[in-house]
Amino acid sequence: MDNYYEKLLYKDEISFDRDKIWFHLVDKYNKQTHDYIKEIEEDFSKISVEEYDKKLQFWVDKGLSPFKLQYIFTLKENIKPVISIYPVNNDERKMYLNFLIDWTYNEYSNNKTDYQFETIPFENLKTHFFNIKENKEEKILNEINTTKRRIKKTKVNSDIYAYITYKEKEPNMLSDLEIDNKDMGISLQYFAIEVSFVLDFLKYLLFLNQQRITDNTIIGYIPPKDKSFKTIYKEDKLKQIHSSLISSNIISEISFEKFHAIFSEINVHSVKRDDKIIWLPIKTNGVNWESLVLFVKEMCGLDNDFSDDFNSNLVYKIGFCFTTQDESNFSNYQNSLSRVIKRLKENDFNLKRKNSAFSTIENIFS
């Protein structure tokens, strides 16, 4: 365990309550009177519709709550003007999200006791990284695992890892965040509250990912529910894995293109029967689920103690992307996979009796 972190972080277990923080942030900066809103409305109305960034800055300058999207006051009977920063298109939503994350992070930083907020500044983490005397690949892996443990300990939702994909892609796509479109404003606020709480660590993971850009792997994560898997491996390595799986009788013959697609975040509902990966290993009582779970974990670069929030997501994706030669063996995959995932995680992915398929998967990824 890295003493650098242990000395600075988490003396006590942090209990993260997103809803409580949301109500607090709305209430704390919601003390303005109707007369005050009436007084500033004229200046706000001078900002053009296209200048959303200036609306956000106005909100801050006038001490309004970024978590309250609109203010209403009564001018006269039946006339109630509204000033609003509700984001109406994708560009405004992305601006609002970035604004919320920065603002909330500063709020946490300036009121650490109120929010039980403890972090290590991103710049300090980078300095620490360059001072580590290990080979590059080893220290990157150690730092990734350490950082993910720190994030897990905060009790924020594992959905925050989607922020990494969101920031890495150009252009940034809100769909990568699996935000609830029914109430976009509130959904962005909830997401920002959690991301801001671990922002330094997420920035560090992005930085570590960049350090590996010339290597064969990148940081792994589980994409949103209706997307297939994302592999941590680049094409050259994937071709080796694909070939080894077929030659070892782990999967049936399948084109590399179809194999690659399953691990390229495609829509799972677009995966047809002939596009699925056919898993061959079986045991006397049915499918060798342990080897399948291990394979997916390795392909996605997940830690042995990956978040429990990922469990149902993994099972859901496997049901759409994999099958067996006798499809009846796959009929009860939800219950079987859920039990196997739980058992493997409890035993740190060590089987008391390793079967040949499980060992073959270990060797392919060793």
Foldseek 3Di string as FASTA:
>chain_A
DDVVDVVFDPPDQADADLVVVLVCLQVVQVPDDLVLCVVCVVVLVVDDPPPLVVLLVVCVVSSHRLSDFKDWHDPDPPDIDMRGSPDDDDVSLVVSLVSLLVVLLVVCVVCVVVRVAGDDALVVVVVVLVPDPDPLVVSLVVLLVVLVVRLVSNVFDLLLLLVLVQVPDPPRDCVQSVFDPVCSSVSSNSSSNSCSSSVSSSVNLSVSQVSCVVPQFGAFDATPQQWAAAFRGDDVLLVLLLVLCPVVVQWDDDDSVLVVRNNHGDGLVPQDPNSATAGEDADPVAHPLLLVVLLRCNRRVHFLQPDPVCQQSVLSNCLSRYAHPPRVSCPPSNVVSSVSSVVCSVVSNDDPDDDPSNVSSVVSRD
